[in-house]
Amino acid sequence: MKLCFLLLVNLVAFINCENILYLSNVPSPSHFIWCKSLLYSLHERGHNITALSPDIEESKEKFTFLHLNQVYSEIYNATEELNFFEFNEASPYELFMLYADASEKACRGSIKSKGYKQLLDYPDDFKFDLAFFDFTMDPCLMGILQKFKHRPLLIGLSAFHSPGQFGANLLYPAFVPGHDLLYISKMNFQERFVSALVHLLEYFMRKLLFAPLVEKVVREVHPNVEYLLDVEKTAKMYFINNNPIMNFQAPTFTNQKNVGGMQIKKPKELPEELKTIADNAKHGLVFFSLGTNVRSDSLKDEIIVKILKAFSRLDKYTFLWKFETKEKLPIALPKNVKIKDWMPQNDILSHKNTKLFISHCGLLSIQESLYYGVPVLGMPVFADQPQNALRMKELGVGEILSILEFTEDELYETLKKMLESKSYKEKGERLSRAMHDRPMTAVEEATYWSEWLMRNPDIDLEGAAADLNLFARHSFDVYTVLLAIFAVILYVLIKIEIFIIKLIFCRNNTKSSKKQKLN
């Protein structure tokens, strides 16, 4: 009977297939990896998916990829590559300016792209029931929704761990550090002050810089487009790559779903060559990767040499390094070090012999590492990576070294300490158990809420907060009036006190004068 019921539920899910649109102009393979997990989950449930993105895969039945093929070339000027290591020393303001520049270029590239024009060629009466938009950068792609007579339900999603200034989100600068600040969750007054300033800077930068920049770009092509931020505000839900077990804890609205780790899949068996290497690493396997954006072969020769020499001194351990170009190695590869230009990170981290992950601390990477209980030696490069690395140290499962400034001895000693100390592994395993202990996986939860919204399109989970600006939402306007009332009352009391003092003083002076006249 139970089996029949499950079959009936699945049959209903496949019968009620809907048309779903995915909009993203974020030039980051890691963001695409996270988002596509949900898209494929919905596709497996029978829904028709159309994905507009700078990163694509081969289209298949009921899953169409439309390529924003000009985004990367617009940002990288077709030939130049970004030097992510230069971002390491940038201030929050400088980073926001870099993001604004990248945002404008990504928008221009999107509108020039083949995939954008293909979506514009869809019939105006084509009905998308649901649209996801990646809100990480800007509302550039919101304008394309205007062409469709039937407006789809909107869900914002981001592989970033914070909803930031989007939707009816609340700001908690007192215990959630501002963007890219190297603070732990327990901040002193000075740190909380700086955190609040950075939160406000992000809010006003997006309202007054990011949005107007892309608005201008979009209106060059679509002069009568609606105000993009107004379209974005109609989103019914937000899916955030946040897991309160490992990220900063903060209250959220009921329409914001923490689905951190959607990209984590059931591990597969490693390819034969890697399986042999991992199985034979009896003392322990150390995995090293700088992620999808930063190439290890772009490191300076002297840094590569220090890394390899430190690895060679720990010769009982096996090191797997995602290194893209073997010919760029400045010295011979030590016997205990293996390199490949690509490795299945999720599957390597799940291997029983993996003892440590040397990582740039991208959010997806540290999620996967903690999911499998593997401690992290952070060597962050840019964006949220330094803050993520600091968070791992705060949780007791990581240490941090500068990717640009470290000595061979520092790397050797840090690796030795982390590999030989039990505390990192024990804390990692405790967090791993907690991350596994949930009623459904992150991608299953996101899939459920996506279909729930399509079944219940008129239910409002956001409430009145969506119509309030930042200051009203946090009752700053109320506090301002209260402070003004308090100031007026205080002023009146002071005036009364001064009047009484003067009155008493005058009476005393009058009495003294009368006494003097009598004498």
Protein backbone atom coordinates (compact mmCIF):
# COMPACT_ATOMS: atom_id res chain seq x y z
CA MET A 1 0.00 0.00 0.00
CA LYS A 2 2.83 2.40 0.94
CA LEU A 3 4.61 1.61 -2.35
CA CYS A 4 1.44 2.34 -4.33
CA PHE A 5 1.06 5.68 -2.54
CA LEU A 6 4.66 6.68 -3.37
CA LEU A 7 4.18 5.69 -7.00
CA LEU A 8 0.98 7.78 -7.14
CA VAL A 9 2.76 10.83 -5.65
CA ASN A 10 5.57 10.53 -8.21
CA LEU A 11 3.09 10.08 -11.03
CA VAL A 12 1.25 13.27 -10.01
CA ALA A 13 4.58 15.13 -9.89
CA PHE A 14 5.42 14.08 -13.43
CA ILE A 15 1.93 14.87 -14.76
CA ASN A 16 2.09 18.43 -13.37
CA CYS A 17 5.15 19.42 -15.36
CA GLU A 18 5.73 23.15 -15.73
CA ASN A 19 7.89 25.45 -17.83
CA ILE A 20 10.75 26.86 -15.77
CA LEU A 21 13.19 29.61 -16.76
CA TYR A 22 16.65 30.19 -15.25
CA LEU A 23 18.32 33.60 -15.65
CA SER A 24 21.94 34.22 -14.69
CA ASN A 25 24.67 36.48 -16.01
CA VAL A 26 27.11 35.64 -13.19
CA PRO A 27 30.50 34.77 -14.76
CA SER A 28 31.45 32.03 -12.32
CA PRO A 29 31.48 28.27 -12.97
CA SER A 30 31.02 27.59 -9.25
CA HIS A 31 27.75 29.56 -9.16
CA PHE A 32 26.55 27.57 -12.15
CA ILE A 33 27.52 24.29 -10.46
CA TRP A 34 25.37 25.19 -7.45
CA CYS A 35 22.36 26.44 -9.40
CA LYS A 36 22.29 23.67 -11.98
CA SER A 37 21.87 21.07 -9.19
CA LEU A 38 18.38 22.46 -8.60
CA LEU A 39 17.64 22.73 -12.32
CA TYR A 40 18.53 19.09 -12.92
CA SER A 41 16.50 18.03 -9.89
CA LEU A 42 13.44 19.80 -11.29
CA HIS A 43 14.14 18.35 -14.74
CA GLU A 44 14.17 14.86 -13.22
CA ARG A 45 10.73 15.66 -11.77
CA GLY A 46 9.44 16.15 -15.31
CA HIS A 47 9.57 19.94 -15.65
CA ASN A 48 10.68 21.71 -18.83
CA ILE A 49 13.80 23.80 -18.16
CA THR A 50 15.19 26.73 -20.16
CA ALA A 51 18.51 28.05 -18.81
CA LEU A 52 20.06 31.35 -19.92
CA SER A 53 23.61 31.48 -18.58
CA PRO A 54 27.30 32.23 -19.37
CA ASP A 55 28.05 28.60 -18.40
CA ILE A 56 26.10 25.90 -20.15
CA GLU A 57 26.01 22.19 -20.83
CA GLU A 58 24.66 20.20 -23.75
CA SER A 59 20.92 20.58 -24.20
CA LYS A 60 18.74 17.49 -23.91
CA GLU A 61 15.06 16.63 -24.10
CA LYS A 62 13.05 19.14 -22.05
CA PHE A 63 16.23 20.94 -20.98
CA THR A 64 17.38 23.82 -23.22
CA PHE A 65 20.56 25.81 -22.56
CA LEU A 66 20.78 29.30 -24.07
CA HIS A 67 24.35 30.57 -24.03
CA LEU A 68 25.31 34.09 -22.93
CA ASN A 69 28.43 33.64 -25.01
CA GLN A 70 29.65 37.25 -24.79
CA VAL A 71 29.79 37.62 -20.98
CA TYR A 72 33.25 36.19 -20.31
CA SER A 73 34.78 37.86 -23.35
CA GLU A 74 33.29 41.24 -22.34
CA ILE A 75 34.72 41.00 -18.83
CA TYR A 76 38.09 39.60 -19.85
CA ASN A 77 38.36 41.82 -22.96
CA ALA A 78 38.55 38.67 -25.11
CA THR A 79 42.27 38.13 -24.37
CA GLU A 80 43.10 39.39 -20.89
CA GLU A 81 42.57 37.36 -17.74
CA LEU A 82 41.70 38.79 -14.36
CA ASN A 83 44.46 38.63 -11.76
CA PHE A 84 42.43 37.46 -8.79
CA PHE A 85 45.47 37.69 -6.52
CA GLU A 86 45.34 41.49 -6.84
CA PHE A 87 41.92 41.47 -5.15
CA ASN A 88 43.54 40.13 -1.98
CA GLU A 89 44.57 43.55 -0.69
CA ALA A 90 41.52 45.54 -1.85
CA SER A 91 39.34 47.40 0.67
CA PRO A 92 35.56 46.72 0.81
CA TYR A 93 34.96 49.93 -1.17
CA GLU A 94 37.52 48.96 -3.83
CA LEU A 95 35.96 45.51 -4.10
CA PHE A 96 32.49 47.00 -4.58
CA MET A 97 33.87 49.18 -7.38
CA LEU A 98 35.46 46.12 -9.03
CA TYR A 99 32.16 44.26 -8.74
CA ALA A 100 30.29 47.24 -10.22
CA ASP A 101 32.62 47.29 -13.21
CA ALA A 102 32.25 43.52 -13.70
CA SER A 103 28.48 43.86 -13.30
CA GLU A 104 28.19 46.47 -16.05
CA LYS A 105 30.41 44.45 -18.41
CA ALA A 106 28.49 41.25 -17.72
CA CYS A 107 25.24 43.05 -18.54
CA ARG A 108 26.62 44.38 -21.84
CA GLY A 109 27.91 40.92 -22.70
CA SER A 110 24.55 39.37 -21.86
CA ILE A 111 22.56 41.63 -24.18
CA LYS A 112 25.02 41.03 -27.04
CA SER A 113 24.85 37.27 -26.62
CA LYS A 114 23.26 34.72 -28.89
CA GLY A 115 21.29 33.11 -26.06
CA TYR A 116 19.72 36.42 -25.04
CA LYS A 117 18.49 36.98 -28.60
CA GLN A 118 17.18 33.42 -28.74
CA LEU A 119 15.07 34.01 -25.65
CA LEU A 120 13.79 37.28 -27.13
CA ASP A 121 12.62 35.26 -30.14
CA TYR A 122 10.33 33.13 -27.97
CA PRO A 123 6.62 33.89 -28.62
CA ASP A 124 5.28 36.67 -26.42
CA ASP A 125 2.48 34.38 -25.25
CA PHE A 126 4.89 31.59 -24.25
CA LYS A 127 4.14 30.77 -20.63
CA PHE A 128 6.91 30.23 -18.09
CA ASP A 129 5.32 29.17 -14.82
CA LEU A 130 8.40 29.88 -12.72
CA ALA A 131 11.62 31.84 -13.22
CA PHE A 132 14.78 31.65 -11.15
CA PHE A 133 17.20 34.57 -11.25
CA ASP A 134 20.69 34.66 -9.78
CA PHE A 135 20.72 37.91 -7.80
CA THR A 136 24.43 37.82 -6.92
CA MET A 137 25.41 40.68 -9.21
CA ASP A 138 22.60 42.85 -10.52
CA PRO A 139 19.03 42.85 -11.94
CA CYS A 140 20.21 43.07 -15.58
CA LEU A 141 18.16 40.14 -16.88
CA MET A 142 14.94 41.20 -15.17
CA GLY A 143 14.05 43.30 -18.23
CA ILE A 144 13.61 40.29 -20.49
CA LEU A 145 10.60 39.13 -18.44
CA GLN A 146 8.61 42.10 -19.73
CA LYS A 147 8.26 40.52 -23.19
CA PHE A 148 6.11 37.66 -21.84
CA LYS A 149 2.40 38.30 -21.44
CA HIS A 150 2.23 35.72 -18.64
CA ARG A 151 4.62 36.84 -15.91
CA PRO A 152 6.22 33.85 -14.20
CA LEU A 153 6.52 33.48 -10.47
CA LEU A 154 9.97 34.65 -9.37
CA ILE A 155 12.51 32.99 -7.08
CA GLY A 156 15.86 34.64 -6.41
CA LEU A 157 18.81 32.39 -5.70
CA SER A 158 22.52 32.79 -5.14
CA ALA A 159 25.51 30.56 -4.47
CA PHE A 160 26.68 33.30 -2.09
CA HIS A 161 25.95 32.60 1.60
CA SER A 162 24.10 35.82 2.43
CA PRO A 163 20.92 37.37 1.00
CA GLY A 164 22.58 40.76 1.47
CA GLN A 165 20.42 43.64 0.29
CA PHE A 166 17.91 41.58 -1.66
CA GLY A 167 14.22 41.16 -1.04
CA ALA A 168 12.94 42.02 2.43
CA ASN A 169 16.11 40.88 4.11
CA LEU A 170 17.14 42.23 7.49
CA LEU A 171 20.68 43.37 8.30
CA TYR A 172 22.49 42.17 11.39
CA PRO A 173 25.86 43.94 11.38
CA ALA A 174 26.27 43.33 15.12
CA PHE A 175 26.86 39.60 14.64
CA VAL A 176 27.13 39.09 10.86
CA PRO A 177 30.30 40.86 9.64
CA GLY A 178 29.98 43.10 6.60
CA HIS A 179 30.98 41.87 3.16
CA ASP A 180 34.60 40.57 3.08
CA LEU A 181 35.48 41.85 6.57
CA LEU A 182 37.89 39.59 8.43
CA TYR A 183 35.89 39.53 11.67
CA ILE A 184 34.53 36.62 13.67
CA SER A 185 30.89 36.59 14.77
CA LYS A 186 31.69 37.99 18.24
CA MET A 187 32.79 41.54 17.44
CA ASN A 188 33.81 44.41 19.67
CA PHE A 189 32.26 47.87 19.33
CA GLN A 190 34.78 49.13 16.77
CA GLU A 191 34.29 46.04 14.60
CA ARG A 192 30.50 46.30 14.86
CA PHE A 193 30.74 49.96 13.85
CA VAL A 194 32.81 49.10 10.75
CA SER A 195 30.51 46.17 9.98
CA ALA A 196 27.46 48.45 10.05
CA LEU A 197 29.18 50.93 7.73
CA VAL A 198 30.04 48.17 5.23
CA HIS A 199 26.47 46.83 5.30
CA LEU A 200 25.15 50.33 4.60
CA LEU A 201 27.79 50.86 1.90
CA GLU A 202 26.65 47.68 0.16
CA TYR A 203 23.01 48.80 0.39
CA PHE A 204 23.62 52.23 -1.12
CA MET A 205 26.17 50.99 -3.70
CA ARG A 206 23.61 48.58 -5.10
CA LYS A 207 20.79 51.14 -5.11
CA LEU A 208 22.81 54.10 -6.39
CA LEU A 209 25.57 52.47 -8.48
CA PHE A 210 25.01 48.85 -9.52
CA ALA A 211 21.34 49.12 -10.48
CA PRO A 212 21.63 52.45 -12.39
CA LEU A 213 24.65 51.15 -14.32
CA VAL A 214 22.83 48.09 -15.65
CA GLU A 215 19.58 50.04 -16.01
CA LYS A 216 21.36 52.34 -18.46
CA VAL A 217 22.79 49.39 -20.40
CA VAL A 218 19.41 47.62 -20.64
CA ARG A 219 17.54 50.78 -21.69
CA GLU A 220 19.90 51.20 -24.65
CA VAL A 221 18.24 48.08 -26.07
CA HIS A 222 14.86 48.15 -24.32
CA PRO A 223 14.06 51.86 -23.75
CA ASN A 224 10.63 51.22 -22.22
CA VAL A 225 11.67 48.52 -19.78
CA GLU A 226 10.26 48.60 -16.25
CA TYR A 227 12.52 49.70 -13.42
CA LEU A 228 14.63 46.56 -12.91
CA LEU A 229 14.75 46.68 -9.12
CA ASP A 230 10.93 46.90 -9.05
CA VAL A 231 10.72 43.71 -11.11
CA GLU A 232 13.24 42.02 -8.83
CA LYS A 233 11.18 43.00 -5.77
CA THR A 234 8.29 40.86 -7.01
CA ALA A 235 10.24 37.70 -6.12
CA LYS A 236 8.19 35.35 -3.97
CA MET A 237 11.10 33.42 -2.49
CA TYR A 238 14.87 33.42 -2.10
CA PHE A 239 17.12 30.38 -2.01
CA ILE A 240 20.39 31.11 -0.19
CA ASN A 241 23.56 29.01 -0.16
CA ASN A 242 23.70 29.19 3.60
CA ASN A 243 23.99 26.50 6.23
CA PRO A 244 23.67 27.88 9.78
CA ILE A 245 25.83 25.03 11.08
CA MET A 246 28.88 26.49 9.34
CA ASN A 247 27.92 30.03 8.25
CA PHE A 248 27.06 33.04 10.39
CA GLN A 249 23.72 32.51 12.11
CA ALA A 250 21.02 35.12 11.48
CA PRO A 251 17.19 35.14 11.54
CA THR A 252 15.49 35.09 8.15
CA PHE A 253 12.03 35.69 6.74
CA THR A 254 9.85 32.67 5.98
CA ASN A 255 10.31 33.20 2.23
CA GLN A 256 14.10 32.81 2.51
CA LYS A 257 15.24 29.20 2.45
CA ASN A 258 18.70 28.17 3.60
CA VAL A 259 19.67 25.46 1.12
CA GLY A 260 23.44 25.54 1.54
CA GLY A 261 25.28 22.69 -0.16
CA MET A 262 22.82 22.00 -3.00
CA GLN A 263 25.78 20.96 -5.16
CA ILE A 264 26.80 18.10 -2.86
CA LYS A 265 25.93 14.79 -4.45
CA LYS A 266 26.22 11.18 -3.44
CA PRO A 267 29.91 10.38 -4.05
CA LYS A 268 30.89 8.23 -7.00
CA GLU A 269 33.79 5.83 -7.23
CA LEU A 270 36.95 7.63 -8.31
CA PRO A 271 38.43 7.10 -11.79
CA GLU A 272 40.82 4.16 -11.78
CA GLU A 273 44.06 6.18 -11.62
CA LEU A 274 42.87 8.42 -8.78
CA LYS A 275 41.30 5.48 -6.96
CA THR A 276 44.61 3.65 -6.94
CA ILE A 277 46.44 6.72 -5.63
CA ALA A 278 43.83 7.36 -2.89
CA ASP A 279 43.55 3.71 -1.83
CA ASN A 280 47.34 3.45 -1.51
CA ALA A 281 47.63 6.62 0.60
CA LYS A 282 47.65 4.59 3.82
CA HIS A 283 49.02 7.40 6.02
CA GLY A 284 46.68 9.95 4.56
CA LEU A 285 45.73 11.89 1.45
CA VAL A 286 45.95 15.70 1.19
CA PHE A 287 43.93 17.37 -1.56
CA PHE A 288 44.90 20.83 -2.87
CA SER A 289 42.73 22.95 -5.16
CA LEU A 290 42.24 26.68 -5.78
CA GLY A 291 38.78 26.17 -7.28
CA THR A 292 37.27 26.93 -10.68
CA ASN A 293 38.24 30.60 -11.10
CA VAL A 294 41.87 30.64 -9.92
CA ARG A 295 44.47 28.49 -11.67
CA SER A 296 47.31 26.98 -9.64
CA ASP A 297 49.64 27.37 -12.63
CA SER A 298 49.14 31.15 -12.38
CA LEU A 299 51.08 31.20 -9.10
CA LYS A 300 54.60 32.61 -9.24
CA ASP A 301 57.41 30.08 -9.58
CA GLU A 302 58.83 30.85 -6.12
CA ILE A 303 55.46 30.11 -4.52
CA ILE A 304 55.09 26.82 -6.38
CA VAL A 305 58.62 25.83 -5.31
CA LYS A 306 57.88 26.54 -1.63
CA ILE A 307 54.70 24.47 -1.82
CA LEU A 308 56.36 21.48 -3.46
CA LYS A 309 59.33 21.54 -1.07
CA ALA A 310 57.02 21.63 1.95
CA PHE A 311 55.03 18.71 0.51
CA SER A 312 58.21 16.69 -0.09
CA ARG A 313 59.18 17.03 3.61
CA LEU A 314 55.95 15.25 4.56
CA ASP A 315 56.82 12.25 2.44
CA LYS A 316 54.63 9.70 4.23
CA TYR A 317 51.53 11.58 3.04
CA THR A 318 50.23 11.64 -0.52
CA PHE A 319 49.36 15.04 -2.03
CA LEU A 320 46.88 15.49 -4.88
CA TRP A 321 47.15 18.96 -6.46
CA LYS A 322 44.77 20.35 -9.07
CA PHE A 323 47.46 21.93 -11.26
CA GLU A 324 46.46 22.84 -14.79
CA THR A 325 49.72 22.80 -16.79
CA LYS A 326 52.41 20.25 -15.99
CA GLU A 327 54.93 22.07 -18.20
CA LYS A 328 54.76 25.14 -15.90
CA LEU A 329 56.28 23.30 -12.94
CA PRO A 330 59.56 25.09 -12.06
CA ILE A 331 61.08 22.02 -10.32
CA ALA A 332 60.71 18.27 -10.53
CA LEU A 333 57.58 16.85 -8.93
CA PRO A 334 58.27 15.07 -5.59
CA LYS A 335 57.36 11.38 -5.50
CA ASN A 336 54.56 11.91 -3.00
CA VAL A 337 52.84 14.62 -5.11
CA LYS A 338 50.44 13.89 -7.98
CA ILE A 339 48.99 16.57 -10.23
CA LYS A 340 46.07 16.63 -12.66
CA ASP A 341 44.33 19.49 -14.47
CA TRP A 342 40.93 18.38 -13.18
CA MET A 343 39.78 16.20 -10.28
CA PRO A 344 36.33 15.21 -8.93
CA GLN A 345 36.52 17.23 -5.73
CA ASN A 346 33.37 15.87 -4.07
CA ASP A 347 34.46 12.28 -4.61
CA ILE A 348 38.04 12.88 -3.42
CA LEU A 349 36.87 14.61 -0.22
CA SER A 350 34.54 11.69 0.50
CA HIS A 351 37.39 9.13 0.31
CA LYS A 352 38.21 7.51 3.64
CA ASN A 353 41.93 8.31 3.33
CA THR A 354 41.49 12.07 2.75
CA LYS A 355 42.89 13.78 5.86
CA LEU A 356 43.14 17.44 4.83
CA PHE A 357 41.94 19.87 2.18
CA ILE A 358 44.21 22.79 1.18
CA SER A 359 41.67 25.17 -0.29
CA HIS A 360 41.05 28.69 -1.55
CA CYS A 361 37.98 28.48 0.71
CA GLY A 362 35.32 29.10 -1.89
CA LEU A 363 31.96 28.50 -0.25
CA LEU A 364 31.15 25.34 -2.21
CA SER A 365 34.54 23.86 -1.38
CA ILE A 366 34.31 24.36 2.37
CA GLN A 367 30.74 23.05 2.38
CA GLU A 368 31.88 19.84 0.72
CA SER A 369 34.90 19.57 3.01
CA LEU A 370 32.85 19.88 6.20
CA TYR A 371 30.11 17.64 4.82
CA TYR A 372 32.72 14.87 4.74
CA GLY A 373 34.45 15.95 7.97
CA VAL A 374 37.74 16.99 6.32
CA PRO A 375 39.68 19.88 8.01
CA VAL A 376 40.67 22.86 5.84
CA LEU A 377 43.95 24.72 5.47
CA GLY A 378 42.74 27.97 3.95
CA MET A 379 44.83 29.83 1.39
CA PRO A 380 42.16 32.34 0.29
CA VAL A 381 42.48 34.55 -2.80
CA PHE A 382 39.54 36.98 -3.18
CA ALA A 383 35.88 37.87 -2.51
CA ASP A 384 34.34 35.96 0.40
CA GLN A 385 37.19 33.44 0.61
CA PRO A 386 39.23 35.15 3.38
CA GLN A 387 36.10 35.50 5.50
CA ASN A 388 35.19 31.85 4.86
CA ALA A 389 38.70 30.76 5.89
CA LEU A 390 38.45 32.78 9.10
CA ARG A 391 35.09 31.16 9.83
CA MET A 392 36.68 27.69 9.49
CA LYS A 393 39.35 28.71 12.00
CA GLU A 394 36.67 30.08 14.35
CA LEU A 395 34.89 26.69 14.19
CA GLY A 396 38.15 24.90 15.06
CA VAL A 397 38.41 22.97 11.77
CA GLY A 398 40.88 25.15 9.89
CA GLU A 399 44.00 27.27 9.79
CA ILE A 400 44.94 30.12 7.44
CA LEU A 401 48.05 30.99 5.43
CA SER A 402 48.45 33.81 2.92
CA ILE A 403 48.64 32.40 -0.61
CA LEU A 404 51.15 35.14 -1.50
CA GLU A 405 53.21 35.52 1.68
CA PHE A 406 54.30 32.37 3.46
CA THR A 407 57.54 30.51 4.02
CA GLU A 408 58.27 26.89 3.30
CA ASP A 409 58.69 26.26 7.03
CA GLU A 410 55.34 27.92 7.84
CA LEU A 411 53.52 25.70 5.37
CA TYR A 412 55.36 22.59 6.56
CA GLU A 413 54.69 23.27 10.26
CA THR A 414 51.01 24.11 9.65
CA LEU A 415 50.46 20.97 7.60
CA LYS A 416 52.27 18.83 10.16
CA LYS A 417 50.20 20.26 13.03
CA MET A 418 46.89 19.76 11.23
CA LEU A 419 47.71 16.24 10.06
CA GLU A 420 48.96 15.05 13.44
CA SER A 421 46.46 16.78 15.75
CA LYS A 422 43.21 14.93 16.44
CA SER A 423 41.20 18.05 17.35
CA TYR A 424 40.70 19.29 13.76
CA LYS A 425 39.40 15.93 12.61
CA GLU A 426 37.16 15.43 15.66
CA LYS A 427 35.54 18.86 15.27
CA GLY A 428 35.16 18.27 11.53
CA GLU A 429 33.41 14.96 12.12
CA ARG A 430 31.06 16.55 14.65
CA LEU A 431 30.04 19.24 12.14
CA SER A 432 29.73 16.59 9.43
CA ARG A 433 27.26 14.58 11.53
CA ALA A 434 25.17 17.71 12.09
CA MET A 435 25.17 18.59 8.38
CA HIS A 436 23.99 15.08 7.48
CA ASP A 437 21.27 15.13 10.16
CA ARG A 438 18.37 16.70 8.26
CA PRO A 439 14.99 15.43 6.99
CA MET A 440 15.85 16.05 3.34
CA THR A 441 18.92 17.16 1.37
CA ALA A 442 19.40 20.81 0.43
CA VAL A 443 18.51 20.22 -3.22
CA GLU A 444 15.43 18.21 -2.23
CA GLU A 445 14.31 21.09 -0.01
CA ALA A 446 14.81 23.66 -2.79
CA THR A 447 12.94 21.39 -5.21
CA TYR A 448 10.08 21.01 -2.75
CA TRP A 449 9.69 24.78 -2.21
CA SER A 450 9.90 25.48 -5.95
CA GLU A 451 7.01 23.12 -6.61
CA TRP A 452 5.16 24.35 -3.50
CA LEU A 453 5.21 27.88 -4.88
CA MET A 454 3.85 26.73 -8.23
CA ARG A 455 1.07 24.90 -6.39
CA ASN A 456 0.35 27.89 -4.14
CA PRO A 457 1.14 30.98 -6.23
CA ASP A 458 -1.10 33.36 -4.27
CA ILE A 459 0.36 32.66 -0.82
CA ASP A 460 2.56 35.48 0.48
CA LEU A 461 5.41 34.35 2.73
CA GLU A 462 7.17 37.71 2.76
CA GLY A 463 4.46 39.94 4.16
CA ALA A 464 4.51 43.70 4.58
CA ALA A 465 8.30 43.88 4.88
CA ALA A 466 8.65 43.83 1.09
CA ASP A 467 7.01 47.24 0.84
CA LEU A 468 9.22 48.88 3.46
CA ASN A 469 12.57 50.50 2.81
CA LEU A 470 15.65 49.54 4.78
CA PHE A 471 15.12 52.16 7.49
CA ALA A 472 11.42 51.46 8.06
CA ARG A 473 12.05 47.68 7.99
CA HIS A 474 14.51 48.02 10.88
CA SER A 475 12.33 50.67 12.64
CA PHE A 476 15.12 53.23 12.34
CA ASP A 477 12.45 55.85 11.59
CA VAL A 478 10.65 54.94 14.83
CA TYR A 479 13.89 55.03 16.82
CA THR A 480 14.68 58.43 15.30
CA VAL A 481 11.32 59.83 16.44
CA LEU A 482 11.76 58.29 19.90
CA LEU A 483 15.22 59.83 20.19
CA ALA A 484 13.81 63.17 19.05
CA ILE A 485 11.02 62.95 21.68
CA PHE A 486 13.59 62.00 24.33
CA ALA A 487 15.81 64.92 23.24
CA VAL A 488 12.85 67.33 23.45
CA ILE A 489 11.84 66.04 26.89
CA LEU A 490 15.44 66.22 28.06
CA TYR A 491 15.72 69.75 26.68
CA VAL A 492 12.50 70.82 28.44
CA LEU A 493 13.63 69.23 31.73
CA ILE A 494 17.00 70.96 31.50
CA LYS A 495 15.27 74.28 30.78
CA ILE A 496 12.94 73.77 33.76
CA GLU A 497 15.88 72.86 35.98
CA ILE A 498 17.80 75.95 34.85
CA PHE A 499 14.71 78.08 35.48
CA ILE A 500 14.29 76.66 39.00
CA ILE A 501 17.98 77.14 39.76
CA LYS A 502 17.83 80.71 38.53
CA LEU A 503 14.65 81.32 40.55
CA ILE A 504 16.23 79.97 43.72
CA PHE A 505 19.44 81.86 43.04
CA CYS A 506 17.54 85.10 42.44
CA ARG A 507 15.52 84.67 45.67
CA ASN A 508 18.68 84.02 47.63
CA ASN A 509 20.28 87.11 46.11
CA THR A 510 17.15 89.17 46.96
CA LYS A 511 17.19 87.96 50.57
CA SER A 512 20.91 88.73 50.85
CA SER A 513 20.36 92.22 49.49
CA LYS A 514 17.53 92.88 51.98
CA LYS A 515 19.70 91.73 54.89
CA GLN A 516 22.53 93.97 53.80
CA LYS A 517 20.17 97.02 53.64
CA LEU A 518 18.79 96.28 57.12
CA ASN A 519 22.31 96.11 58.52
